[in-house]
Amino acid sequence: MKQKKIVTWAISAIVYLGLVIGGYTVYASMNNNNDHTDIHSAASNSNEKKETSTEEEHSDDHTSQKSEGTDSGHSDHAARSESEVVTNVKYEEGLITIDLKDKDQNSPKLEISHEKIMHLIIVSADLEDYYHLHPEEKGNGMYTQKFDLPENSYKVFVDIKPKNLAYQVSPIELHVGKAHGEHEENSLKADTNLTKTINEKTVELTTTELGINKEVTLSFDTKGITPEPYLGALGHVVILDDKGEKFVHVHPASEEKTVFETKFDKPGIYKVWGEFKFDGKVNSYPFVIEVK
């Protein structure tokens, strides 16, 4: 009888131990599944944060391409994104008309740059004739300038700073009269003498090494005569490549010196116009340089 009780107790103990082991196995399996679920959830949250961060970075990059009203003194818009402003230029009977519209056909608001809301640069096809004008706003995106242009073909550059819109200065073809001049590629030759005299005022250009993708300093020696302030500066410089496509508008690097800094991204022949005001008149000094 006593032996029978011992056998019964042993069987009960074995059954109980089996139940404990089985219960622990089920619990461990469920806990492991929860751990995997938590890890996957954390990885998804991490990926979502990375995607959000990337979107914000792209958004910031896009915003940085917009004009925020700052005046860098250097208009070289070729490096910016595609222009969000459409410019149309017409000439009839001594009147130049510029029409500006954004992609929604609205009139863009412009920032003032060096005392003017618009700088209009007009250059003849052979890059000989040069005009720097400042059209007046007439409303609804229209700007006009009375000016007699001789018969010729021209390239027009509308240099503006639209508010919160990307903008790139690009050449606009303009033909006046029946006699259209033709632009000949590589027709310019680098000057061997970088001293020019206009209206009895002499200016000499000296430069640092004219290489690509490096800071280049253009120094204009006005021979002891300090230019009069012109559009809020001692002078202005406009640069075009020999094809009349690449446009750069540079302002002085110093308020007290006629020194300018710029960069060239391609080798070639460039024409430089240095604008300085003497005795109430603005003289435009042309120089042809070669960047190697």
C-alpha atoms as a PDB file:
ATOM      1  CA  MET A   1       0.000   0.000   0.000  1.00  0.00           C
ATOM      2  CA  LYS A   2       2.807   2.297   0.897  1.00  0.00           C
ATOM      3  CA  GLN A   3       4.635   1.497  -2.349  1.00  0.00           C
ATOM      4  CA  LYS A   4       1.473   2.290  -4.344  1.00  0.00           C
ATOM      5  CA  LYS A   5       1.267   5.784  -2.771  1.00  0.00           C
ATOM      6  CA  ILE A   6       4.886   6.440  -3.700  1.00  0.00           C
ATOM      7  CA  VAL A   7       4.224   5.530  -7.366  1.00  0.00           C
ATOM      8  CA  THR A   8       1.137   7.778  -7.449  1.00  0.00           C
ATOM      9  CA  TRP A   9       3.109  10.717  -6.015  1.00  0.00           C
ATOM     10  CA  ALA A  10       5.913  10.224  -8.546  1.00  0.00           C
ATOM     11  CA  ILE A  11       3.451  10.257 -11.434  1.00  0.00           C
ATOM     12  CA  SER A  12       1.822  13.439 -10.093  1.00  0.00           C
ATOM     13  CA  ALA A  13       5.209  15.093  -9.753  1.00  0.00           C
ATOM     14  CA  ILE A  14       6.150  14.214 -13.334  1.00  0.00           C
ATOM     15  CA  VAL A  15       2.843  15.582 -14.658  1.00  0.00           C
ATOM     16  CA  TYR A  16       3.271  18.810 -12.669  1.00  0.00           C
ATOM     17  CA  LEU A  17       6.835  19.272 -13.907  1.00  0.00           C
ATOM     18  CA  GLY A  18       5.631  18.775 -17.486  1.00  0.00           C
ATOM     19  CA  LEU A  19       2.958  21.427 -17.046  1.00  0.00           C
ATOM     20  CA  VAL A  20       5.517  23.914 -15.646  1.00  0.00           C
ATOM     21  CA  ILE A  21       7.972  23.296 -18.482  1.00  0.00           C
ATOM     22  CA  GLY A  22       5.206  23.579 -21.117  1.00  0.00           C
ATOM     23  CA  GLY A  23       3.892  26.806 -19.634  1.00  0.00           C
ATOM     24  CA  TYR A  24       7.350  28.376 -19.562  1.00  0.00           C
ATOM     25  CA  THR A  25       7.982  27.377 -23.193  1.00  0.00           C
ATOM     26  CA  VAL A  26       4.740  29.046 -24.340  1.00  0.00           C
ATOM     27  CA  TYR A  27       5.554  32.203 -22.329  1.00  0.00           C
ATOM     28  CA  ALA A  28       9.086  32.436 -23.762  1.00  0.00           C
ATOM     29  CA  SER A  29       7.794  32.013 -27.320  1.00  0.00           C
ATOM     30  CA  MET A  30       5.223  34.814 -26.893  1.00  0.00           C
ATOM     31  CA  ASN A  31       7.786  37.175 -25.356  1.00  0.00           C
ATOM     32  CA  ASN A  32      10.234  36.530 -28.207  1.00  0.00           C
ATOM     33  CA  ASN A  33       7.571  37.429 -30.791  1.00  0.00           C
ATOM     34  CA  ASN A  34       6.864  40.686 -28.958  1.00  0.00           C
ATOM     35  CA  ASP A  35      10.579  41.528 -29.002  1.00  0.00           C
ATOM     36  CA  HIS A  36      10.706  41.066 -32.794  1.00  0.00           C
ATOM     37  CA  THR A  37       7.613  43.232 -33.205  1.00  0.00           C
ATOM     38  CA  ASP A  38       9.170  46.027 -31.121  1.00  0.00           C
ATOM     39  CA  ILE A  39      12.442  45.900 -33.099  1.00  0.00           C
ATOM     40  CA  HIS A  40      10.611  46.088 -36.461  1.00  0.00           C
ATOM     41  CA  SER A  41       8.517  48.996 -35.183  1.00  0.00           C
ATOM     42  CA  ALA A  42      11.646  50.862 -34.043  1.00  0.00           C
ATOM     43  CA  ALA A  43      13.328  50.269 -37.421  1.00  0.00           C
ATOM     44  CA  SER A  44      10.252  51.601 -39.249  1.00  0.00           C
ATOM     45  CA  ASN A  45      10.189  54.704 -37.062  1.00  0.00           C
ATOM     46  CA  SER A  46      13.897  55.207 -37.724  1.00  0.00           C
ATOM     47  CA  ASN A  47      13.366  54.944 -41.503  1.00  0.00           C
ATOM     48  CA  GLU A  48      10.442  57.373 -41.336  1.00  0.00           C
ATOM     49  CA  LYS A  49      12.616  59.869 -39.467  1.00  0.00           C
ATOM     50  CA  LYS A  50      15.378  59.527 -42.069  1.00  0.00           C
ATOM     51  CA  GLU A  51      12.907  60.075 -44.922  1.00  0.00           C
ATOM     52  CA  THR A  52      11.447  63.125 -43.168  1.00  0.00           C
ATOM     53  CA  SER A  53      14.943  64.506 -42.590  1.00  0.00           C
ATOM     54  CA  THR A  54      15.818  64.003 -46.267  1.00  0.00           C
ATOM     55  CA  GLU A  55      12.624  65.778 -47.384  1.00  0.00           C
ATOM     56  CA  GLU A  56      13.396  68.691 -45.065  1.00  0.00           C
ATOM     57  CA  GLU A  57      16.948  68.915 -46.457  1.00  0.00           C
ATOM     58  CA  HIS A  58      15.624  69.031 -50.039  1.00  0.00           C
ATOM     59  CA  SER A  59      13.095  71.653 -48.988  1.00  0.00           C
ATOM     60  CA  ASP A  60      15.849  73.769 -47.456  1.00  0.00           C
ATOM     61  CA  ASP A  61      17.967  73.388 -50.601  1.00  0.00           C
ATOM     62  CA  HIS A  62      15.072  74.547 -52.757  1.00  0.00           C
ATOM     63  CA  THR A  63      14.426  77.512 -50.483  1.00  0.00           C
ATOM     64  CA  SER A  64      18.070  78.537 -50.594  1.00  0.00           C
ATOM     65  CA  GLN A  65      17.730  79.077 -54.333  1.00  0.00           C
ATOM     66  CA  LYS A  66      15.126  81.785 -53.846  1.00  0.00           C
ATOM     67  CA  SER A  67      15.963  85.453 -53.571  1.00  0.00           C
ATOM     68  CA  GLU A  68      15.644  86.658 -49.987  1.00  0.00           C
ATOM     69  CA  GLY A  69      16.378  90.292 -50.661  1.00  0.00           C
ATOM     70  CA  THR A  70      20.080  90.099 -49.845  1.00  0.00           C
ATOM     71  CA  ASP A  71      22.430  92.005 -52.109  1.00  0.00           C
ATOM     72  CA  SER A  72      25.534  89.913 -52.669  1.00  0.00           C
ATOM     73  CA  GLY A  73      26.878  92.426 -55.168  1.00  0.00           C
ATOM     74  CA  HIS A  74      27.477  89.630 -57.631  1.00  0.00           C
ATOM     75  CA  SER A  75      24.839  88.660 -60.188  1.00  0.00           C
ATOM     76  CA  ASP A  76      25.804  85.329 -61.641  1.00  0.00           C
ATOM     77  CA  HIS A  77      22.554  83.422 -61.866  1.00  0.00           C
ATOM     78  CA  ALA A  78      23.741  80.622 -64.088  1.00  0.00           C
ATOM     79  CA  ALA A  79      24.436  78.483 -61.065  1.00  0.00           C
ATOM     80  CA  ARG A  80      20.884  78.751 -59.775  1.00  0.00           C
ATOM     81  CA  SER A  81      17.858  76.598 -60.572  1.00  0.00           C
ATOM     82  CA  GLU A  82      15.644  77.096 -63.600  1.00  0.00           C
ATOM     83  CA  SER A  83      14.143  80.571 -63.709  1.00  0.00           C
ATOM     84  CA  GLU A  84      10.642  80.975 -62.287  1.00  0.00           C
ATOM     85  CA  VAL A  85      10.198  84.347 -64.014  1.00  0.00           C
ATOM     86  CA  VAL A  86       9.501  84.753 -67.733  1.00  0.00           C
ATOM     87  CA  THR A  87      10.904  87.922 -69.344  1.00  0.00           C
ATOM     88  CA  ASN A  88       9.792  89.393 -72.659  1.00  0.00           C
ATOM     89  CA  VAL A  89      11.468  92.410 -74.267  1.00  0.00           C
ATOM     90  CA  LYS A  90      10.116  94.508 -77.151  1.00  0.00           C
ATOM     91  CA  TYR A  91      11.309  97.632 -78.914  1.00  0.00           C
ATOM     92  CA  GLU A  92       9.087  99.996 -80.908  1.00  0.00           C
ATOM     93  CA  GLU A  93       9.715 103.587 -81.959  1.00  0.00           C
ATOM     94  CA  GLY A  94      12.261 104.399 -79.305  1.00  0.00           C
ATOM     95  CA  LEU A  95      10.509 102.609 -76.439  1.00  0.00           C
ATOM     96  CA  ILE A  96      11.845  99.478 -74.754  1.00  0.00           C
ATOM     97  CA  THR A  97       9.172  97.416 -72.972  1.00  0.00           C
ATOM     98  CA  ILE A  98       9.917  94.596 -70.535  1.00  0.00           C
ATOM     99  CA  ASP A  99       7.117  92.269 -69.397  1.00  0.00           C
ATOM    100  CA  LEU A 100       7.711  90.079 -66.315  1.00  0.00           C
ATOM    101  CA  LYS A 101       5.447  87.192 -65.268  1.00  0.00           C
ATOM    102  CA  ASP A 102       5.768  84.220 -62.958  1.00  0.00           C
ATOM    103  CA  LYS A 103       4.513  80.722 -63.834  1.00  0.00           C
ATOM    104  CA  ASP A 104       0.996  81.711 -62.737  1.00  0.00           C
ATOM    105  CA  GLN A 105       1.049  84.804 -64.940  1.00  0.00           C
ATOM    106  CA  ASN A 106       1.307  87.075 -61.922  1.00  0.00           C
ATOM    107  CA  SER A 107       3.618  90.076 -61.647  1.00  0.00           C
ATOM    108  CA  PRO A 108       6.646  89.209 -59.502  1.00  0.00           C
ATOM    109  CA  LYS A 109       7.725  91.637 -56.807  1.00  0.00           C
ATOM    110  CA  LEU A 110      11.296  92.840 -57.188  1.00  0.00           C
ATOM    111  CA  GLU A 111      13.958  93.743 -54.632  1.00  0.00           C
ATOM    112  CA  ILE A 112      15.982  96.936 -55.053  1.00  0.00           C
ATOM    113  CA  SER A 113      19.574  96.212 -56.021  1.00  0.00           C
ATOM    114  CA  HIS A 114      22.077  99.070 -55.941  1.00  0.00           C
ATOM    115  CA  GLU A 115      19.406 101.753 -55.864  1.00  0.00           C
ATOM    116  CA  LYS A 116      17.473 100.360 -58.842  1.00  0.00           C
ATOM    117  CA  ILE A 117      14.711  97.811 -59.207  1.00  0.00           C
ATOM    118  CA  MET A 118      16.025  96.696 -62.603  1.00  0.00           C
ATOM    119  CA  HIS A 119      19.351  96.843 -64.434  1.00  0.00           C
ATOM    120  CA  LEU A 120      18.901  96.405 -68.176  1.00  0.00           C
ATOM    121  CA  ILE A 121      22.101  95.560 -70.071  1.00  0.00           C
ATOM    122  CA  ILE A 122      21.957  95.758 -73.870  1.00  0.00           C
ATOM    123  CA  VAL A 123      24.911  94.686 -76.018  1.00  0.00           C
ATOM    124  CA  SER A 124      25.146  94.637 -79.813  1.00  0.00           C
ATOM    125  CA  ALA A 125      25.713  91.343 -81.661  1.00  0.00           C
ATOM    126  CA  ASP A 126      29.423  92.079 -82.143  1.00  0.00           C
ATOM    127  CA  LEU A 127      29.772  93.101 -78.456  1.00  0.00           C
ATOM    128  CA  GLU A 128      30.863  96.590 -79.483  1.00  0.00           C
ATOM    129  CA  ASP A 129      27.894  98.709 -78.388  1.00  0.00           C
ATOM    130  CA  TYR A 130      27.041  98.591 -74.690  1.00  0.00           C
ATOM    131  CA  TYR A 131      24.154 100.202 -72.780  1.00  0.00           C
ATOM    132  CA  HIS A 132      23.261 100.008 -69.079  1.00  0.00           C
ATOM    133  CA  LEU A 133      19.706 101.282 -68.489  1.00  0.00           C
ATOM    134  CA  HIS A 134      17.171 101.364 -65.638  1.00  0.00           C
ATOM    135  CA  PRO A 135      13.556 100.984 -66.839  1.00  0.00           C
ATOM    136  CA  GLU A 136      10.693 102.344 -64.757  1.00  0.00           C
ATOM    137  CA  GLU A 137       7.855 100.240 -63.364  1.00  0.00           C
ATOM    138  CA  LYS A 138       4.469 100.857 -64.970  1.00  0.00           C
ATOM    139  CA  GLY A 139       2.413  98.251 -63.112  1.00  0.00           C
ATOM    140  CA  ASN A 140       1.193  94.723 -63.855  1.00  0.00           C
ATOM    141  CA  GLY A 141       4.743  93.503 -64.444  1.00  0.00           C
ATOM    142  CA  MET A 142       5.466  96.089 -67.158  1.00  0.00           C
ATOM    143  CA  TYR A 143       8.647  98.197 -67.247  1.00  0.00           C
ATOM    144  CA  THR A 144       9.574 100.759 -69.894  1.00  0.00           C
ATOM    145  CA  GLN A 145      12.560 102.798 -70.987  1.00  0.00           C
ATOM    146  CA  LYS A 146      12.693 105.478 -73.671  1.00  0.00           C
ATOM    147  CA  PHE A 147      15.890 104.943 -75.628  1.00  0.00           C
ATOM    148  CA  ASP A 148      16.876 105.154 -79.293  1.00  0.00           C
ATOM    149  CA  LEU A 149      18.622 101.982 -80.401  1.00  0.00           C
ATOM    150  CA  PRO A 150      20.415 102.056 -83.769  1.00  0.00           C
ATOM    151  CA  GLU A 151      19.489  99.368 -86.298  1.00  0.00           C
ATOM    152  CA  ASN A 152      21.256  96.196 -85.234  1.00  0.00           C
ATOM    153  CA  SER A 153      20.835  92.872 -83.478  1.00  0.00           C
ATOM    154  CA  TYR A 154      21.243  92.914 -79.717  1.00  0.00           C
ATOM    155  CA  LYS A 155      21.362  90.673 -76.718  1.00  0.00           C
ATOM    156  CA  VAL A 156      19.416  91.965 -73.745  1.00  0.00           C
ATOM    157  CA  PHE A 157      20.019  90.967 -70.111  1.00  0.00           C
ATOM    158  CA  VAL A 158      17.306  91.740 -67.544  1.00  0.00           C
ATOM    159  CA  ASP A 159      19.157  91.814 -64.213  1.00  0.00           C
ATOM    160  CA  ILE A 160      16.588  91.665 -61.394  1.00  0.00           C
ATOM    161  CA  LYS A 161      16.032  90.138 -57.941  1.00  0.00           C
ATOM    162  CA  PRO A 162      12.506  88.707 -57.692  1.00  0.00           C
ATOM    163  CA  LYS A 163      11.217  88.108 -54.152  1.00  0.00           C
ATOM    164  CA  ASN A 164      10.961  84.419 -53.247  1.00  0.00           C
ATOM    165  CA  LEU A 165      11.448  83.264 -56.838  1.00  0.00           C
ATOM    166  CA  ALA A 166      14.410  81.630 -58.520  1.00  0.00           C
ATOM    167  CA  TYR A 167      15.774  83.672 -61.399  1.00  0.00           C
ATOM    168  CA  GLN A 168      18.515  83.231 -63.942  1.00  0.00           C
ATOM    169  CA  VAL A 169      19.730  86.032 -66.211  1.00  0.00           C
ATOM    170  CA  SER A 170      19.633  84.752 -69.783  1.00  0.00           C
ATOM    171  CA  PRO A 171      20.273  86.559 -73.080  1.00  0.00           C
ATOM    172  CA  ILE A 172      17.200  87.731 -74.998  1.00  0.00           C
ATOM    173  CA  GLU A 173      17.507  88.340 -78.736  1.00  0.00           C
ATOM    174  CA  LEU A 174      16.329  91.757 -79.911  1.00  0.00           C
ATOM    175  CA  HIS A 175      16.369  92.961 -83.514  1.00  0.00           C
ATOM    176  CA  VAL A 176      16.004  96.635 -84.394  1.00  0.00           C
ATOM    177  CA  GLY A 177      15.350  97.685 -87.981  1.00  0.00           C
ATOM    178  CA  LYS A 178      16.027  95.650 -91.114  1.00  0.00           C
ATOM    179  CA  ALA A 179      19.818  95.593 -90.898  1.00  0.00           C
ATOM    180  CA  HIS A 180      20.542  92.814 -88.421  1.00  0.00           C
ATOM    181  CA  GLY A 181      24.113  92.416 -87.311  1.00  0.00           C
ATOM    182  CA  GLU A 182      25.449  88.901 -86.943  1.00  0.00           C
ATOM    183  CA  HIS A 183      27.506  87.671 -84.024  1.00  0.00           C
ATOM    184  CA  GLU A 184      30.663  85.899 -85.150  1.00  0.00           C
ATOM    185  CA  GLU A 185      31.980  83.259 -82.811  1.00  0.00           C
ATOM    186  CA  ASN A 186      35.493  83.852 -81.422  1.00  0.00           C
ATOM    187  CA  SER A 187      35.646  87.270 -83.104  1.00  0.00           C
ATOM    188  CA  LEU A 188      37.215  88.863 -80.014  1.00  0.00           C
ATOM    189  CA  LYS A 189      40.929  88.946 -79.322  1.00  0.00           C
ATOM    190  CA  ALA A 190      42.483  89.583 -75.933  1.00  0.00           C
ATOM    191  CA  ASP A 191      43.774  93.134 -75.447  1.00  0.00           C
ATOM    192  CA  THR A 192      47.523  93.581 -75.279  1.00  0.00           C
ATOM    193  CA  ASN A 193      47.016  97.015 -73.697  1.00  0.00           C
ATOM    194  CA  LEU A 194      44.661  97.174 -70.709  1.00  0.00           C
ATOM    195  CA  THR A 195      44.685 100.966 -70.421  1.00  0.00           C
ATOM    196  CA  LYS A 196      41.705 102.901 -71.795  1.00  0.00           C
ATOM    197  CA  THR A 197      40.943 106.627 -71.944  1.00  0.00           C
ATOM    198  CA  ILE A 198      37.374 107.975 -72.298  1.00  0.00           C
ATOM    199  CA  ASN A 199      36.400 111.642 -71.973  1.00  0.00           C
ATOM    200  CA  GLU A 200      39.975 112.405 -70.898  1.00  0.00           C
ATOM    201  CA  LYS A 201      39.725 110.024 -67.939  1.00  0.00           C
ATOM    202  CA  THR A 202      42.111 107.057 -67.974  1.00  0.00           C
ATOM    203  CA  VAL A 203      41.534 103.669 -66.331  1.00  0.00           C
ATOM    204  CA  GLU A 204      43.957 100.743 -66.294  1.00  0.00           C
ATOM    205  CA  LEU A 205      42.946  97.152 -65.558  1.00  0.00           C
ATOM    206  CA  THR A 206      45.201  94.686 -63.770  1.00  0.00           C
ATOM    207  CA  THR A 207      44.202  91.163 -62.743  1.00  0.00           C
ATOM    208  CA  THR A 208      45.395  88.219 -60.720  1.00  0.00           C
ATOM    209  CA  GLU A 209      45.996  84.984 -62.621  1.00  0.00           C
ATOM    210  CA  LEU A 210      43.072  84.407 -64.994  1.00  0.00           C
ATOM    211  CA  GLY A 211      42.295  80.770 -64.262  1.00  0.00           C
ATOM    212  CA  ILE A 212      39.052  78.814 -63.981  1.00  0.00           C
ATOM    213  CA  ASN A 213      37.208  77.964 -60.757  1.00  0.00           C
ATOM    214  CA  LYS A 214      39.334  80.279 -58.637  1.00  0.00           C
ATOM    215  CA  GLU A 215      38.904  83.728 -57.172  1.00  0.00           C
ATOM    216  CA  VAL A 216      40.033  86.338 -59.688  1.00  0.00           C
ATOM    217  CA  THR A 217      40.623  89.947 -58.652  1.00  0.00           C
ATOM    218  CA  LEU A 218      40.022  92.758 -61.139  1.00  0.00           C
ATOM    219  CA  SER A 219      41.677  96.002 -60.054  1.00  0.00           C
ATOM    220  CA  PHE A 220      40.924  99.252 -61.887  1.00  0.00           C
ATOM    221  CA  ASP A 221      43.499 102.024 -61.483  1.00  0.00           C
ATOM    222  CA  THR A 222      41.714 105.357 -61.975  1.00  0.00           C
ATOM    223  CA  LYS A 223      45.016 107.249 -61.941  1.00  0.00           C
ATOM    224  CA  GLY A 224      44.567 109.148 -58.713  1.00  0.00           C
ATOM    225  CA  ILE A 225      41.018 110.293 -59.414  1.00  0.00           C
ATOM    226  CA  THR A 226      38.377 108.793 -57.109  1.00  0.00           C
ATOM    227  CA  PRO A 227      35.200 108.002 -59.071  1.00  0.00           C
ATOM    228  CA  GLU A 228      31.960 109.599 -57.952  1.00  0.00           C
ATOM    229  CA  PRO A 229      29.414 107.296 -56.279  1.00  0.00           C
ATOM    230  CA  TYR A 230      27.360 105.544 -58.924  1.00  0.00           C
ATOM    231  CA  LEU A 231      24.320 103.463 -57.932  1.00  0.00           C
ATOM    232  CA  GLY A 232      25.592 103.161 -54.389  1.00  0.00           C
ATOM    233  CA  ALA A 233      29.129 102.085 -55.297  1.00  0.00           C
ATOM    234  CA  LEU A 234      32.401 103.354 -56.744  1.00  0.00           C
ATOM    235  CA  GLY A 235      31.754 101.407 -59.917  1.00  0.00           C
ATOM    236  CA  HIS A 236      30.203  98.401 -61.570  1.00  0.00           C
ATOM    237  CA  VAL A 237      31.572  95.640 -63.793  1.00  0.00           C
ATOM    238  CA  VAL A 238      29.705  93.563 -66.368  1.00  0.00           C
ATOM    239  CA  ILE A 239      31.342  90.534 -67.978  1.00  0.00           C
ATOM    240  CA  LEU A 240      30.224  88.519 -71.033  1.00  0.00           C
ATOM    241  CA  ASP A 241      31.825  85.573 -72.779  1.00  0.00           C
ATOM    242  CA  ASP A 242      32.610  85.917 -76.481  1.00  0.00           C
ATOM    243  CA  LYS A 243      29.331  84.206 -77.393  1.00  0.00           C
ATOM    244  CA  GLY A 244      27.310  86.722 -75.417  1.00  0.00           C
ATOM    245  CA  GLU A 245      25.727  83.945 -73.341  1.00  0.00           C
ATOM    246  CA  LYS A 246      27.472  83.961 -69.964  1.00  0.00           C
ATOM    247  CA  PHE A 247      26.510  87.069 -67.946  1.00  0.00           C
ATOM    248  CA  VAL A 248      28.189  88.307 -64.771  1.00  0.00           C
ATOM    249  CA  HIS A 249      27.422  91.607 -62.999  1.00  0.00           C
ATOM    250  CA  VAL A 250      29.960  92.391 -60.267  1.00  0.00           C
ATOM    251  CA  HIS A 251      30.058  95.146 -57.661  1.00  0.00           C
ATOM    252  CA  PRO A 252      33.131  96.361 -55.748  1.00  0.00           C
ATOM    253  CA  ALA A 253      34.600  94.162 -53.023  1.00  0.00           C
ATOM    254  CA  SER A 254      35.401  97.345 -51.069  1.00  0.00           C
ATOM    255  CA  GLU A 255      33.582 100.634 -50.504  1.00  0.00           C
ATOM    256  CA  GLU A 256      36.847 102.543 -50.834  1.00  0.00           C
ATOM    257  CA  LYS A 257      38.630 100.792 -53.718  1.00  0.00           C
ATOM    258  CA  THR A 258      37.762  99.986 -57.324  1.00  0.00           C
ATOM    259  CA  VAL A 259      38.568  96.319 -56.804  1.00  0.00           C
ATOM    260  CA  PHE A 260      36.240  93.517 -57.915  1.00  0.00           C
ATOM    261  CA  GLU A 261      36.250  89.754 -57.339  1.00  0.00           C
ATOM    262  CA  THR A 262      34.694  87.076 -59.514  1.00  0.00           C
ATOM    263  CA  LYS A 263      35.120  83.529 -60.852  1.00  0.00           C
ATOM    264  CA  PHE A 264      35.241  81.997 -64.329  1.00  0.00           C
ATOM    265  CA  ASP A 265      33.960  78.448 -64.750  1.00  0.00           C
ATOM    266  CA  LYS A 266      35.203  77.984 -68.312  1.00  0.00           C
ATOM    267  CA  PRO A 267      38.301  79.052 -70.245  1.00  0.00           C
ATOM    268  CA  GLY A 268      37.873  81.436 -73.155  1.00  0.00           C
ATOM    269  CA  ILE A 269      37.697  85.055 -74.268  1.00  0.00           C
ATOM    270  CA  TYR A 270      35.627  87.463 -72.156  1.00  0.00           C
ATOM    271  CA  LYS A 271      34.705  91.103 -72.546  1.00  0.00           C
ATOM    272  CA  VAL A 272      34.727  93.270 -69.435  1.00  0.00           C
ATOM    273  CA  TRP A 273      33.032  96.659 -69.081  1.00  0.00           C
ATOM    274  CA  GLY A 274      34.135  98.723 -66.099  1.00  0.00           C
ATOM    275  CA  GLU A 275      31.666 101.543 -65.337  1.00  0.00           C
ATOM    276  CA  PHE A 276      32.917 104.602 -63.455  1.00  0.00           C
ATOM    277  CA  LYS A 277      31.453 108.063 -62.969  1.00  0.00           C
ATOM    278  CA  PHE A 278      33.605 111.170 -63.470  1.00  0.00           C
ATOM    279  CA  ASP A 279      32.379 114.777 -63.621  1.00  0.00           C
ATOM    280  CA  GLY A 280      28.781 113.636 -63.541  1.00  0.00           C
ATOM    281  CA  LYS A 281      29.187 111.277 -66.526  1.00  0.00           C
ATOM    282  CA  VAL A 282      29.351 107.477 -66.489  1.00  0.00           C
ATOM    283  CA  ASN A 283      32.119 106.080 -68.673  1.00  0.00           C
ATOM    284  CA  SER A 284      32.088 102.423 -69.716  1.00  0.00           C
ATOM    285  CA  TYR A 285      35.629 101.117 -70.225  1.00  0.00           C
ATOM    286  CA  PRO A 286      35.795  97.976 -72.411  1.00  0.00           C
ATOM    287  CA  PHE A 287      38.529  95.355 -71.946  1.00  0.00           C
ATOM    288  CA  VAL A 288      38.978  91.948 -73.580  1.00  0.00           C
ATOM    289  CA  ILE A 289      40.722  89.290 -71.511  1.00  0.00           C
ATOM    290  CA  GLU A 290      41.517  85.594 -71.941  1.00  0.00           C
ATOM    291  CA  VAL A 291      40.923  83.008 -69.227  1.00  0.00           C
ATOM    292  CA  LYS A 292      43.033  79.868 -69.529  1.00  0.00           C
END
